[in-house]
Amino acid sequence: MRILFDNGAPKPIARSLTGHMVTFARQIGWHELANGDLIRQAEAAGFEVLLSTDRNIRYQQNLTGRKIALVILSNQQWPRVRLHLERIAAAVNAATPGSFAEVDIPYES
């Protein structure tokens, strides 16, 4: 699967997404695009999943008929995120066109 990491998604997550091709928005100059534009560009470029930490994106974008899936992390702090890599990978692996999944990552244990 081709996965696009939005600006807030911690880069080290990519190591746990074996078998997928990960690209970072900043790497391809898309780091300043607004959510709607980012989703359109990602879809046009053939990305299948957008991994983001923007919890509002769900309410700002209509996924009906979309080819891209959204996987949203509720927390972007690496010390917390790293404890949930299996859950993140499971959400990515379960993603289907137009789907939305939020991986809840508590701020405290």
PDB file of N, CA and C in Angstrom:
ATOM      1  N   MET A   1       0.842  -1.174   0.000  1.00  0.00           N
ATOM      2  CA  MET A   1       0.000   0.000   0.000  1.00  0.00           C
ATOM      3  C   MET A   1       0.892   1.244   0.000  1.00  0.00           C
ATOM      4  N   ARG A   2       0.470   2.271  -0.705  1.00  0.00           N
ATOM      5  CA  ARG A   2       1.195   3.545  -0.702  1.00  0.00           C
ATOM      6  C   ARG A   2       0.580   4.437   0.377  1.00  0.00           C
ATOM      7  N   ILE A   3       1.434   4.864   1.310  1.00  0.00           N
ATOM      8  CA  ILE A   3       0.983   5.641   2.459  1.00  0.00           C
ATOM      9  C   ILE A   3       1.667   7.002   2.452  1.00  0.00           C
ATOM     10  N   LEU A   4       0.880   8.055   2.646  1.00  0.00           N
ATOM     11  CA  LEU A   4       1.403   9.405   2.766  1.00  0.00           C
ATOM     12  C   LEU A   4       1.308   9.832   4.225  1.00  0.00           C
ATOM     13  N   PHE A   5       2.437  10.224   4.800  1.00  0.00           N
ATOM     14  CA  PHE A   5       2.466  10.750   6.165  1.00  0.00           C
ATOM     15  C   PHE A   5       2.298  12.253   6.102  1.00  0.00           C
ATOM     16  N   ASP A   6       1.286  12.773   6.784  1.00  0.00           N
ATOM     17  CA  ASP A   6       1.081  14.208   6.926  1.00  0.00           C
ATOM     18  C   ASP A   6       2.163  14.753   7.867  1.00  0.00           C
ATOM     19  N   ASN A   7       2.250  16.064   7.986  1.00  0.00           N
ATOM     20  CA  ASN A   7       3.303  16.702   8.780  1.00  0.00           C
ATOM     21  C   ASN A   7       3.427  16.213  10.211  1.00  0.00           C
ATOM     22  N   GLY A   8       2.324  15.990  10.897  1.00  0.00           N
ATOM     23  CA  GLY A   8       2.376  15.647  12.312  1.00  0.00           C
ATOM     24  C   GLY A   8       2.649  14.182  12.611  1.00  0.00           C
ATOM     25  N   ALA A   9       2.562  13.336  11.611  1.00  0.00           N
ATOM     26  CA  ALA A   9       2.752  11.901  11.840  1.00  0.00           C
ATOM     27  C   ALA A   9       4.236  11.608  12.105  1.00  0.00           C
ATOM     28  N   PRO A  10       4.545  11.010  13.246  1.00  0.00           N
ATOM     29  CA  PRO A  10       5.946  10.724  13.569  1.00  0.00           C
ATOM     30  C   PRO A  10       6.593   9.779  12.547  1.00  0.00           C
ATOM     31  N   LYS A  11       7.714  10.204  11.997  1.00  0.00           N
ATOM     32  CA  LYS A  11       8.407   9.437  10.964  1.00  0.00           C
ATOM     33  C   LYS A  11       8.781   8.020  11.375  1.00  0.00           C
ATOM     34  N   PRO A  12       9.202   7.781  12.628  1.00  0.00           N
ATOM     35  CA  PRO A  12       9.613   6.413  12.978  1.00  0.00           C
ATOM     36  C   PRO A  12       8.516   5.354  12.829  1.00  0.00           C
ATOM     37  N   ILE A  13       7.273   5.768  12.728  1.00  0.00           N
ATOM     38  CA  ILE A  13       6.185   4.808  12.520  1.00  0.00           C
ATOM     39  C   ILE A  13       6.429   4.020  11.236  1.00  0.00           C
ATOM     40  N   ALA A  14       7.024   4.662  10.260  1.00  0.00           N
ATOM     41  CA  ALA A  14       7.243   4.033   8.949  1.00  0.00           C
ATOM     42  C   ALA A  14       7.973   2.693   9.069  1.00  0.00           C
ATOM     43  N   ARG A  15       8.875   2.580  10.026  1.00  0.00           N
ATOM     44  CA  ARG A  15       9.624   1.321  10.192  1.00  0.00           C
ATOM     45  C   ARG A  15       8.722   0.153  10.562  1.00  0.00           C
ATOM     46  N   SER A  16       7.591   0.430  11.180  1.00  0.00           N
ATOM     47  CA  SER A  16       6.693  -0.652  11.590  1.00  0.00           C
ATOM     48  C   SER A  16       5.653  -0.985  10.522  1.00  0.00           C
ATOM     49  N   LEU A  17       5.673  -0.278   9.424  1.00  0.00           N
ATOM     50  CA  LEU A  17       4.711  -0.523   8.348  1.00  0.00           C
ATOM     51  C   LEU A  17       5.383  -1.309   7.226  1.00  0.00           C
ATOM     52  N   THR A  18       5.855  -2.485   7.575  1.00  0.00           N
ATOM     53  CA  THR A  18       6.562  -3.319   6.609  1.00  0.00           C
ATOM     54  C   THR A  18       5.629  -3.736   5.474  1.00  0.00           C
ATOM     55  N   GLY A  19       6.198  -3.790   4.293  1.00  0.00           N
ATOM     56  CA  GLY A  19       5.426  -4.172   3.120  1.00  0.00           C
ATOM     57  C   GLY A  19       4.680  -3.019   2.479  1.00  0.00           C
ATOM     58  N   HIS A  20       4.793  -1.836   3.052  1.00  0.00           N
ATOM     59  CA  HIS A  20       4.131  -0.648   2.506  1.00  0.00           C
ATOM     60  C   HIS A  20       5.182   0.345   2.028  1.00  0.00           C
ATOM     61  N   MET A  21       4.787   1.202   1.102  1.00  0.00           N
ATOM     62  CA  MET A  21       5.667   2.248   0.624  1.00  0.00           C
ATOM     63  C   MET A  21       5.221   3.569   1.270  1.00  0.00           C
ATOM     64  N   VAL A  22       6.097   4.144   2.088  1.00  0.00           N
ATOM     65  CA  VAL A  22       5.776   5.357   2.841  1.00  0.00           C
ATOM     66  C   VAL A  22       6.469   6.565   2.224  1.00  0.00           C
ATOM     67  N   THR A  23       5.727   7.646   2.089  1.00  0.00           N
ATOM     68  CA  THR A  23       6.248   8.923   1.609  1.00  0.00           C
ATOM     69  C   THR A  23       5.809   9.984   2.607  1.00  0.00           C
ATOM     70  N   PHE A  24       6.676  10.965   2.824  1.00  0.00           N
ATOM     71  CA  PHE A  24       6.375  12.052   3.765  1.00  0.00           C
ATOM     72  C   PHE A  24       5.999  13.299   2.971  1.00  0.00           C
ATOM     73  N   ALA A  25       4.927  13.972   3.384  1.00  0.00           N
ATOM     74  CA  ALA A  25       4.443  15.163   2.676  1.00  0.00           C
ATOM     75  C   ALA A  25       5.557  16.193   2.479  1.00  0.00           C
ATOM     76  N   ARG A  26       6.363  16.400   3.493  1.00  0.00           N
ATOM     77  CA  ARG A  26       7.451  17.375   3.400  1.00  0.00           C
ATOM     78  C   ARG A  26       8.456  16.971   2.321  1.00  0.00           C
ATOM     79  N   GLN A  27       8.684  15.687   2.195  1.00  0.00           N
ATOM     80  CA  GLN A  27       9.638  15.136   1.240  1.00  0.00           C
ATOM     81  C   GLN A  27       9.273  15.494  -0.206  1.00  0.00           C
ATOM     82  N   ILE A  28       7.986  15.604  -0.486  1.00  0.00           N
ATOM     83  CA  ILE A  28       7.554  15.874  -1.854  1.00  0.00           C
ATOM     84  C   ILE A  28       6.964  17.275  -2.022  1.00  0.00           C
ATOM     85  N   GLY A  29       7.172  18.124  -1.020  1.00  0.00           N
ATOM     86  CA  GLY A  29       6.751  19.511  -1.120  1.00  0.00           C
ATOM     87  C   GLY A  29       5.271  19.756  -0.872  1.00  0.00           C
ATOM     88  N   TRP A  30       4.593  18.826  -0.239  1.00  0.00           N
ATOM     89  CA  TRP A  30       3.160  18.965   0.022  1.00  0.00           C
ATOM     90  C   TRP A  30       2.872  19.360   1.455  1.00  0.00           C
ATOM     91  N   HIS A  31       3.865  19.727   2.209  1.00  0.00           N
ATOM     92  CA  HIS A  31       3.702  20.002   3.637  1.00  0.00           C
ATOM     93  C   HIS A  31       2.891  21.254   3.938  1.00  0.00           C
ATOM     94  N   GLU A  32       2.694  22.117   2.979  1.00  0.00           N
ATOM     95  CA  GLU A  32       1.922  23.339   3.220  1.00  0.00           C
ATOM     96  C   GLU A  32       0.519  23.280   2.623  1.00  0.00           C
ATOM     97  N   LEU A  33       0.167  22.163   2.019  1.00  0.00           N
ATOM     98  CA  LEU A  33      -1.169  22.041   1.419  1.00  0.00           C
ATOM     99  C   LEU A  33      -2.234  21.928   2.508  1.00  0.00           C
ATOM    100  N   ALA A  34      -3.367  22.546   2.278  1.00  0.00           N
ATOM    101  CA  ALA A  34      -4.518  22.407   3.174  1.00  0.00           C
ATOM    102  C   ALA A  34      -5.052  20.984   3.034  1.00  0.00           C
ATOM    103  N   ASN A  35      -5.805  20.529   4.018  1.00  0.00           N
ATOM    104  CA  ASN A  35      -6.275  19.141   4.033  1.00  0.00           C
ATOM    105  C   ASN A  35      -6.964  18.695   2.750  1.00  0.00           C
ATOM    106  N   GLY A  36      -7.898  19.484   2.262  1.00  0.00           N
ATOM    107  CA  GLY A  36      -8.619  19.102   1.047  1.00  0.00           C
ATOM    108  C   GLY A  36      -7.688  18.962  -0.141  1.00  0.00           C
ATOM    109  N   ASP A  37      -6.783  19.913  -0.294  1.00  0.00           N
ATOM    110  CA  ASP A  37      -5.816  19.857  -1.394  1.00  0.00           C
ATOM    111  C   ASP A  37      -4.862  18.680  -1.226  1.00  0.00           C
ATOM    112  N   LEU A  38      -4.447  18.433   0.004  1.00  0.00           N
ATOM    113  CA  LEU A  38      -3.544  17.320   0.269  1.00  0.00           C
ATOM    114  C   LEU A  38      -4.208  15.990  -0.092  1.00  0.00           C
ATOM    115  N   ILE A  39      -5.446  15.826   0.297  1.00  0.00           N
ATOM    116  CA  ILE A  39      -6.168  14.592  -0.019  1.00  0.00           C
ATOM    117  C   ILE A  39      -6.328  14.434  -1.526  1.00  0.00           C
ATOM    118  N   ARG A  40      -6.693  15.504  -2.216  1.00  0.00           N
ATOM    119  CA  ARG A  40      -6.855  15.434  -3.679  1.00  0.00           C
ATOM    120  C   ARG A  40      -5.540  15.084  -4.366  1.00  0.00           C
ATOM    121  N   GLN A  41      -4.462  15.752  -3.963  1.00  0.00           N
ATOM    122  CA  GLN A  41      -3.148  15.478  -4.558  1.00  0.00           C
ATOM    123  C   GLN A  41      -2.713  14.039  -4.286  1.00  0.00           C
ATOM    124  N   ALA A  42      -2.904  13.596  -3.042  1.00  0.00           N
ATOM    125  CA  ALA A  42      -2.497  12.247  -2.659  1.00  0.00           C
ATOM    126  C   ALA A  42      -3.275  11.210  -3.461  1.00  0.00           C
ATOM    127  N   GLU A  43      -4.558  11.425  -3.591  1.00  0.00           N
ATOM    128  CA  GLU A  43      -5.393  10.505  -4.360  1.00  0.00           C
ATOM    129  C   GLU A  43      -4.958  10.459  -5.820  1.00  0.00           C
ATOM    130  N   ALA A  44      -4.726  11.632  -6.407  1.00  0.00           N
ATOM    131  CA  ALA A  44      -4.314  11.716  -7.806  1.00  0.00           C
ATOM    132  C   ALA A  44      -2.965  11.032  -8.034  1.00  0.00           C
ATOM    133  N   ALA A  45      -2.112  11.054  -7.006  1.00  0.00           N
ATOM    134  CA  ALA A  45      -0.780  10.446  -7.118  1.00  0.00           C
ATOM    135  C   ALA A  45      -0.801   8.947  -6.801  1.00  0.00           C
ATOM    136  N   GLY A  46      -1.965   8.423  -6.441  1.00  0.00           N
ATOM    137  CA  GLY A  46      -2.088   6.986  -6.206  1.00  0.00           C
ATOM    138  C   GLY A  46      -1.849   6.519  -4.783  1.00  0.00           C
ATOM    139  N   PHE A  47      -1.824   7.461  -3.830  1.00  0.00           N
ATOM    140  CA  PHE A  47      -1.700   7.050  -2.430  1.00  0.00           C
ATOM    141  C   PHE A  47      -3.005   6.420  -1.987  1.00  0.00           C
ATOM    142  N   GLU A  48      -2.894   5.398  -1.141  1.00  0.00           N
ATOM    143  CA  GLU A  48      -4.070   4.677  -0.693  1.00  0.00           C
ATOM    144  C   GLU A  48      -4.473   5.032   0.737  1.00  0.00           C
ATOM    145  N   VAL A  49      -3.499   5.531   1.518  1.00  0.00           N
ATOM    146  CA  VAL A  49      -3.754   5.897   2.917  1.00  0.00           C
ATOM    147  C   VAL A  49      -3.051   7.215   3.222  1.00  0.00           C
ATOM    148  N   LEU A  50      -3.753   8.088   3.946  1.00  0.00           N
ATOM    149  CA  LEU A  50      -3.151   9.296   4.500  1.00  0.00           C
ATOM    150  C   LEU A  50      -3.097   9.094   6.002  1.00  0.00           C
ATOM    151  N   LEU A  51      -1.888   9.126   6.567  1.00  0.00           N
ATOM    152  CA  LEU A  51      -1.704   9.017   8.013  1.00  0.00           C
ATOM    153  C   LEU A  51      -1.491  10.421   8.549  1.00  0.00           C
ATOM    154  N   SER A  52      -2.343  10.840   9.465  1.00  0.00           N
ATOM    155  CA  SER A  52      -2.328  12.215   9.952  1.00  0.00           C
ATOM    156  C   SER A  52      -2.610  12.262  11.445  1.00  0.00           C
ATOM    157  N   THR A  53      -2.314  13.401  12.051  1.00  0.00           N
ATOM    158  CA  THR A  53      -2.662  13.633  13.448  1.00  0.00           C
ATOM    159  C   THR A  53      -3.726  14.724  13.570  1.00  0.00           C
ATOM    160  N   ASP A  54      -4.253  15.173  12.444  1.00  0.00           N
ATOM    161  CA  ASP A  54      -5.276  16.217  12.430  1.00  0.00           C
ATOM    162  C   ASP A  54      -6.640  15.590  12.692  1.00  0.00           C
ATOM    163  N   ARG A  55      -7.078  15.643  13.922  1.00  0.00           N
ATOM    164  CA  ARG A  55      -8.332  14.993  14.316  1.00  0.00           C
ATOM    165  C   ARG A  55      -9.560  15.685  13.719  1.00  0.00           C
ATOM    166  N   ASN A  56      -9.428  16.915  13.267  1.00  0.00           N
ATOM    167  CA  ASN A  56     -10.565  17.633  12.683  1.00  0.00           C
ATOM    168  C   ASN A  56     -10.813  17.279  11.222  1.00  0.00           C
ATOM    169  N   ILE A  57      -9.862  16.634  10.602  1.00  0.00           N
ATOM    170  CA  ILE A  57      -9.978  16.329   9.175  1.00  0.00           C
ATOM    171  C   ILE A  57     -11.242  15.527   8.872  1.00  0.00           C
ATOM    172  N   ARG A  58     -11.636  14.694   9.803  1.00  0.00           N
ATOM    173  CA  ARG A  58     -12.831  13.858   9.633  1.00  0.00           C
ATOM    174  C   ARG A  58     -14.075  14.728   9.417  1.00  0.00           C
ATOM    175  N   TYR A  59     -14.126  15.845  10.080  1.00  0.00           N
ATOM    176  CA  TYR A  59     -15.296  16.720  10.001  1.00  0.00           C
ATOM    177  C   TYR A  59     -15.183  17.739   8.868  1.00  0.00           C
ATOM    178  N   GLN A  60     -13.973  17.919   8.364  1.00  0.00           N
ATOM    179  CA  GLN A  60     -13.739  18.901   7.309  1.00  0.00           C
ATOM    180  C   GLN A  60     -13.831  18.302   5.912  1.00  0.00           C
ATOM    181  N   GLN A  61     -13.656  16.982   5.803  1.00  0.00           N
ATOM    182  CA  GLN A  61     -13.589  16.345   4.496  1.00  0.00           C
ATOM    183  C   GLN A  61     -14.615  15.225   4.377  1.00  0.00           C
ATOM    184  N   ASN A  62     -15.270  15.162   3.249  1.00  0.00           N
ATOM    185  CA  ASN A  62     -16.222  14.096   2.965  1.00  0.00           C
ATOM    186  C   ASN A  62     -15.466  12.978   2.251  1.00  0.00           C
ATOM    187  N   LEU A  63     -15.487  11.785   2.817  1.00  0.00           N
ATOM    188  CA  LEU A  63     -14.755  10.664   2.234  1.00  0.00           C
ATOM    189  C   LEU A  63     -15.605   9.812   1.295  1.00  0.00           C
ATOM    190  N   THR A  64     -16.859  10.151   1.157  1.00  0.00           N
ATOM    191  CA  THR A  64     -17.735   9.396   0.273  1.00  0.00           C
ATOM    192  C   THR A  64     -17.175   9.414  -1.148  1.00  0.00           C
ATOM    193  N   GLY A  65     -17.000   8.234  -1.715  1.00  0.00           N
ATOM    194  CA  GLY A  65     -16.502   8.120  -3.078  1.00  0.00           C
ATOM    195  C   GLY A  65     -15.002   8.303  -3.230  1.00  0.00           C
ATOM    196  N   ARG A  66     -14.312   8.505  -2.138  1.00  0.00           N
ATOM    197  CA  ARG A  66     -12.854   8.690  -2.182  1.00  0.00           C
ATOM    198  C   ARG A  66     -12.147   7.356  -2.358  1.00  0.00           C
ATOM    199  N   LYS A  67     -10.978   7.415  -2.982  1.00  0.00           N
ATOM    200  CA  LYS A  67     -10.134   6.226  -3.147  1.00  0.00           C
ATOM    201  C   LYS A  67      -9.139   6.099  -2.011  1.00  0.00           C
ATOM    202  N   ILE A  68      -8.932   7.177  -1.284  1.00  0.00           N
ATOM    203  CA  ILE A  68      -7.936   7.193  -0.215  1.00  0.00           C
ATOM    204  C   ILE A  68      -8.623   6.974   1.138  1.00  0.00           C
ATOM    205  N   ALA A  69      -7.920   6.302   2.021  1.00  0.00           N
ATOM    206  CA  ALA A  69      -8.406   6.088   3.389  1.00  0.00           C
ATOM    207  C   ALA A  69      -7.648   7.016   4.321  1.00  0.00           C
ATOM    208  N   LEU A  70      -8.274   7.399   5.418  1.00  0.00           N
ATOM    209  CA  LEU A  70      -7.621   8.227   6.424  1.00  0.00           C
ATOM    210  C   LEU A  70      -7.408   7.412   7.689  1.00  0.00           C
ATOM    211  N   VAL A  71      -6.184   7.450   8.195  1.00  0.00           N
ATOM    212  CA  VAL A  71      -5.874   6.870   9.493  1.00  0.00           C
ATOM    213  C   VAL A  71      -5.340   8.025  10.330  1.00  0.00           C
ATOM    214  N   ILE A  72      -6.037   8.333  11.419  1.00  0.00           N
ATOM    215  CA  ILE A  72      -5.723   9.488  12.248  1.00  0.00           C
ATOM    216  C   ILE A  72      -5.215   9.019  13.605  1.00  0.00           C
ATOM    217  N   LEU A  73      -4.132   9.626  14.053  1.00  0.00           N
ATOM    218  CA  LEU A  73      -3.586   9.344  15.382  1.00  0.00           C
ATOM    219  C   LEU A  73      -4.052  10.450  16.321  1.00  0.00           C
ATOM    220  N   SER A  74      -4.507  10.070  17.510  1.00  0.00           N
ATOM    221  CA  SER A  74      -5.012  11.070  18.452  1.00  0.00           C
ATOM    222  C   SER A  74      -3.888  11.789  19.199  1.00  0.00           C
ATOM    223  N   ASN A  75      -2.667  11.334  19.010  1.00  0.00           N
ATOM    224  CA  ASN A  75      -1.526  11.905  19.724  1.00  0.00           C
ATOM    225  C   ASN A  75      -0.312  11.756  18.820  1.00  0.00           C
ATOM    226  N   GLN A  76       0.536  12.762  18.769  1.00  0.00           N
ATOM    227  CA  GLN A  76       1.714  12.676  17.912  1.00  0.00           C
ATOM    228  C   GLN A  76       3.021  12.594  18.703  1.00  0.00           C
ATOM    229  N   GLN A  77       2.941  12.485  20.004  1.00  0.00           N
ATOM    230  CA  GLN A  77       4.149  12.435  20.835  1.00  0.00           C
ATOM    231  C   GLN A  77       4.773  11.048  20.754  1.00  0.00           C
ATOM    232  N   TRP A  78       5.978  10.980  20.171  1.00  0.00           N
ATOM    233  CA  TRP A  78       6.628   9.707  19.907  1.00  0.00           C
ATOM    234  C   TRP A  78       6.727   8.789  21.130  1.00  0.00           C
ATOM    235  N   PRO A  79       7.064   9.271  22.322  1.00  0.00           N
ATOM    236  CA  PRO A  79       7.130   8.349  23.465  1.00  0.00           C
ATOM    237  C   PRO A  79       5.816   7.595  23.698  1.00  0.00           C
ATOM    238  N   ARG A  80       4.688   8.211  23.380  1.00  0.00           N
ATOM    239  CA  ARG A  80       3.385   7.553  23.517  1.00  0.00           C
ATOM    240  C   ARG A  80       3.049   6.729  22.273  1.00  0.00           C
ATOM    241  N   VAL A  81       3.298   7.319  21.109  1.00  0.00           N
ATOM    242  CA  VAL A  81       2.968   6.652  19.847  1.00  0.00           C
ATOM    243  C   VAL A  81       3.684   5.310  19.733  1.00  0.00           C
ATOM    244  N   ARG A  82       4.939   5.265  20.118  1.00  0.00           N
ATOM    245  CA  ARG A  82       5.727   4.031  19.947  1.00  0.00           C
ATOM    246  C   ARG A  82       5.158   2.848  20.715  1.00  0.00           C
ATOM    247  N   LEU A  83       4.340   3.123  21.721  1.00  0.00           N
ATOM    248  CA  LEU A  83       3.708   2.052  22.495  1.00  0.00           C
ATOM    249  C   LEU A  83       2.506   1.445  21.761  1.00  0.00           C
ATOM    250  N   HIS A  84       2.108   2.048  20.643  1.00  0.00           N
ATOM    251  CA  HIS A  84       0.903   1.630  19.929  1.00  0.00           C
ATOM    252  C   HIS A  84       1.170   1.308  18.455  1.00  0.00           C
ATOM    253  N   LEU A  85       2.389   0.956  18.120  1.00  0.00           N
ATOM    254  CA  LEU A  85       2.745   0.704  16.725  1.00  0.00           C
ATOM    255  C   LEU A  85       1.952  -0.448  16.112  1.00  0.00           C
ATOM    256  N   GLU A  86       1.695  -1.483  16.894  1.00  0.00           N
ATOM    257  CA  GLU A  86       0.920  -2.615  16.361  1.00  0.00           C
ATOM    258  C   GLU A  86      -0.502  -2.188  16.007  1.00  0.00           C
ATOM    259  N   ARG A  87      -1.101  -1.366  16.839  1.00  0.00           N
ATOM    260  CA  ARG A  87      -2.463  -0.883  16.571  1.00  0.00           C
ATOM    261  C   ARG A  87      -2.492   0.027  15.341  1.00  0.00           C
ATOM    262  N   ILE A  88      -1.458   0.842  15.198  1.00  0.00           N
ATOM    263  CA  ILE A  88      -1.372   1.729  14.036  1.00  0.00           C
ATOM    264  C   ILE A  88      -1.235   0.892  12.768  1.00  0.00           C
ATOM    265  N   ALA A  89      -0.342  -0.091  12.799  1.00  0.00           N
ATOM    266  CA  ALA A  89      -0.148  -0.966  11.636  1.00  0.00           C
ATOM    267  C   ALA A  89      -1.439  -1.712  11.304  1.00  0.00           C
ATOM    268  N   ALA A  90      -2.159  -2.159  12.325  1.00  0.00           N
ATOM    269  CA  ALA A  90      -3.430  -2.864  12.095  1.00  0.00           C
ATOM    270  C   ALA A  90      -4.448  -1.948  11.423  1.00  0.00           C
ATOM    271  N   ALA A  91      -4.513  -0.698  11.856  1.00  0.00           N
ATOM    272  CA  ALA A  91      -5.450   0.259  11.252  1.00  0.00           C
ATOM    273  C   ALA A  91      -5.088   0.526   9.796  1.00  0.00           C
ATOM    274  N   VAL A  92      -3.798   0.665   9.520  1.00  0.00           N
ATOM    275  CA  VAL A  92      -3.350   0.879   8.137  1.00  0.00           C
ATOM    276  C   VAL A  92      -3.680  -0.350   7.290  1.00  0.00           C
ATOM    277  N   ASN A  93      -3.386  -1.529   7.806  1.00  0.00           N
ATOM    278  CA  ASN A  93      -3.632  -2.763   7.053  1.00  0.00           C
ATOM    279  C   ASN A  93      -5.115  -2.994   6.784  1.00  0.00           C
ATOM    280  N   ALA A  94      -5.974  -2.500   7.661  1.00  0.00           N
ATOM    281  CA  ALA A  94      -7.425  -2.681   7.500  1.00  0.00           C
ATOM    282  C   ALA A  94      -8.063  -1.590   6.645  1.00  0.00           C
ATOM    283  N   ALA A  95      -7.314  -0.567   6.286  1.00  0.00           N
ATOM    284  CA  ALA A  95      -7.866   0.571   5.548  1.00  0.00           C
ATOM    285  C   ALA A  95      -8.390   0.151   4.174  1.00  0.00           C
ATOM    286  N   THR A  96      -9.538   0.696   3.830  1.00  0.00           N
ATOM    287  CA  THR A  96     -10.143   0.477   2.520  1.00  0.00           C
ATOM    288  C   THR A  96     -10.495   1.840   1.924  1.00  0.00           C
ATOM    289  N   PRO A  97     -10.669   1.922   0.612  1.00  0.00           N
ATOM    290  CA  PRO A  97     -10.972   3.213  -0.009  1.00  0.00           C
ATOM    291  C   PRO A  97     -12.143   3.926   0.670  1.00  0.00           C
ATOM    292  N   GLY A  98     -11.911   5.178   1.034  1.00  0.00           N
ATOM    293  CA  GLY A  98     -12.948   6.001   1.646  1.00  0.00           C
ATOM    294  C   GLY A  98     -13.182   5.758   3.125  1.00  0.00           C
ATOM    295  N   SER A  99     -12.367   4.895   3.741  1.00  0.00           N
ATOM    296  CA  SER A  99     -12.580   4.603   5.162  1.00  0.00           C
ATOM    297  C   SER A  99     -11.860   5.605   6.056  1.00  0.00           C
ATOM    298  N   PHE A 100     -12.301   5.644   7.293  1.00  0.00           N
ATOM    299  CA  PHE A 100     -11.713   6.509   8.308  1.00  0.00           C
ATOM    300  C   PHE A 100     -11.490   5.667   9.556  1.00  0.00           C
ATOM    301  N   ALA A 101     -10.289   5.768  10.129  1.00  0.00           N
ATOM    302  CA  ALA A 101      -9.992   5.080  11.385  1.00  0.00           C
ATOM    303  C   ALA A 101      -9.189   6.024  12.260  1.00  0.00           C
ATOM    304  N   GLU A 102      -9.539   6.072  13.532  1.00  0.00           N
ATOM    305  CA  GLU A 102      -8.764   6.858  14.485  1.00  0.00           C
ATOM    306  C   GLU A 102      -8.141   5.902  15.491  1.00  0.00           C
ATOM    307  N   VAL A 103      -6.834   6.029  15.651  1.00  0.00           N
ATOM    308  CA  VAL A 103      -6.118   5.216  16.631  1.00  0.00           C
ATOM    309  C   VAL A 103      -5.961   6.085  17.861  1.00  0.00           C
ATOM    310  N   ASP A 104      -6.652   5.684  18.926  1.00  0.00           N
ATOM    311  CA  ASP A 104      -6.617   6.446  20.169  1.00  0.00           C
ATOM    312  C   ASP A 104      -5.308   6.142  20.901  1.00  0.00           C
ATOM    313  N   ILE A 105      -4.522   7.188  21.129  1.00  0.00           N
ATOM    314  CA  ILE A 105      -3.253   7.060  21.837  1.00  0.00           C
ATOM    315  C   ILE A 105      -3.322   7.982  23.045  1.00  0.00           C
ATOM    316  N   PRO A 106      -3.487   7.405  24.228  1.00  0.00           N
ATOM    317  CA  PRO A 106      -3.640   8.229  25.429  1.00  0.00           C
ATOM    318  C   PRO A 106      -2.397   9.083  25.708  1.00  0.00           C
ATOM    319  N   TYR A 107      -2.625  10.248  26.292  1.00  0.00           N
ATOM    320  CA  TYR A 107      -1.530  11.143  26.655  1.00  0.00           C
ATOM    321  C   TYR A 107      -0.835  10.667  27.927  1.00  0.00           C
ATOM    322  N   GLU A 108      -1.514   9.862  28.704  1.00  0.00           N
ATOM    323  CA  GLU A 108      -0.920   9.312  29.927  1.00  0.00           C
ATOM    324  C   GLU A 108      -1.267   7.845  30.002  1.00  0.00           C
ATOM    325  N   SER A 109      -0.386   7.092  30.676  1.00  0.00           N
ATOM    326  CA  SER A 109      -0.684   5.660  30.808  1.00  0.00           C
ATOM    327  C   SER A 109      -1.444   5.355  32.049  1.00  0.00           C
TER     328      SER A 109
END
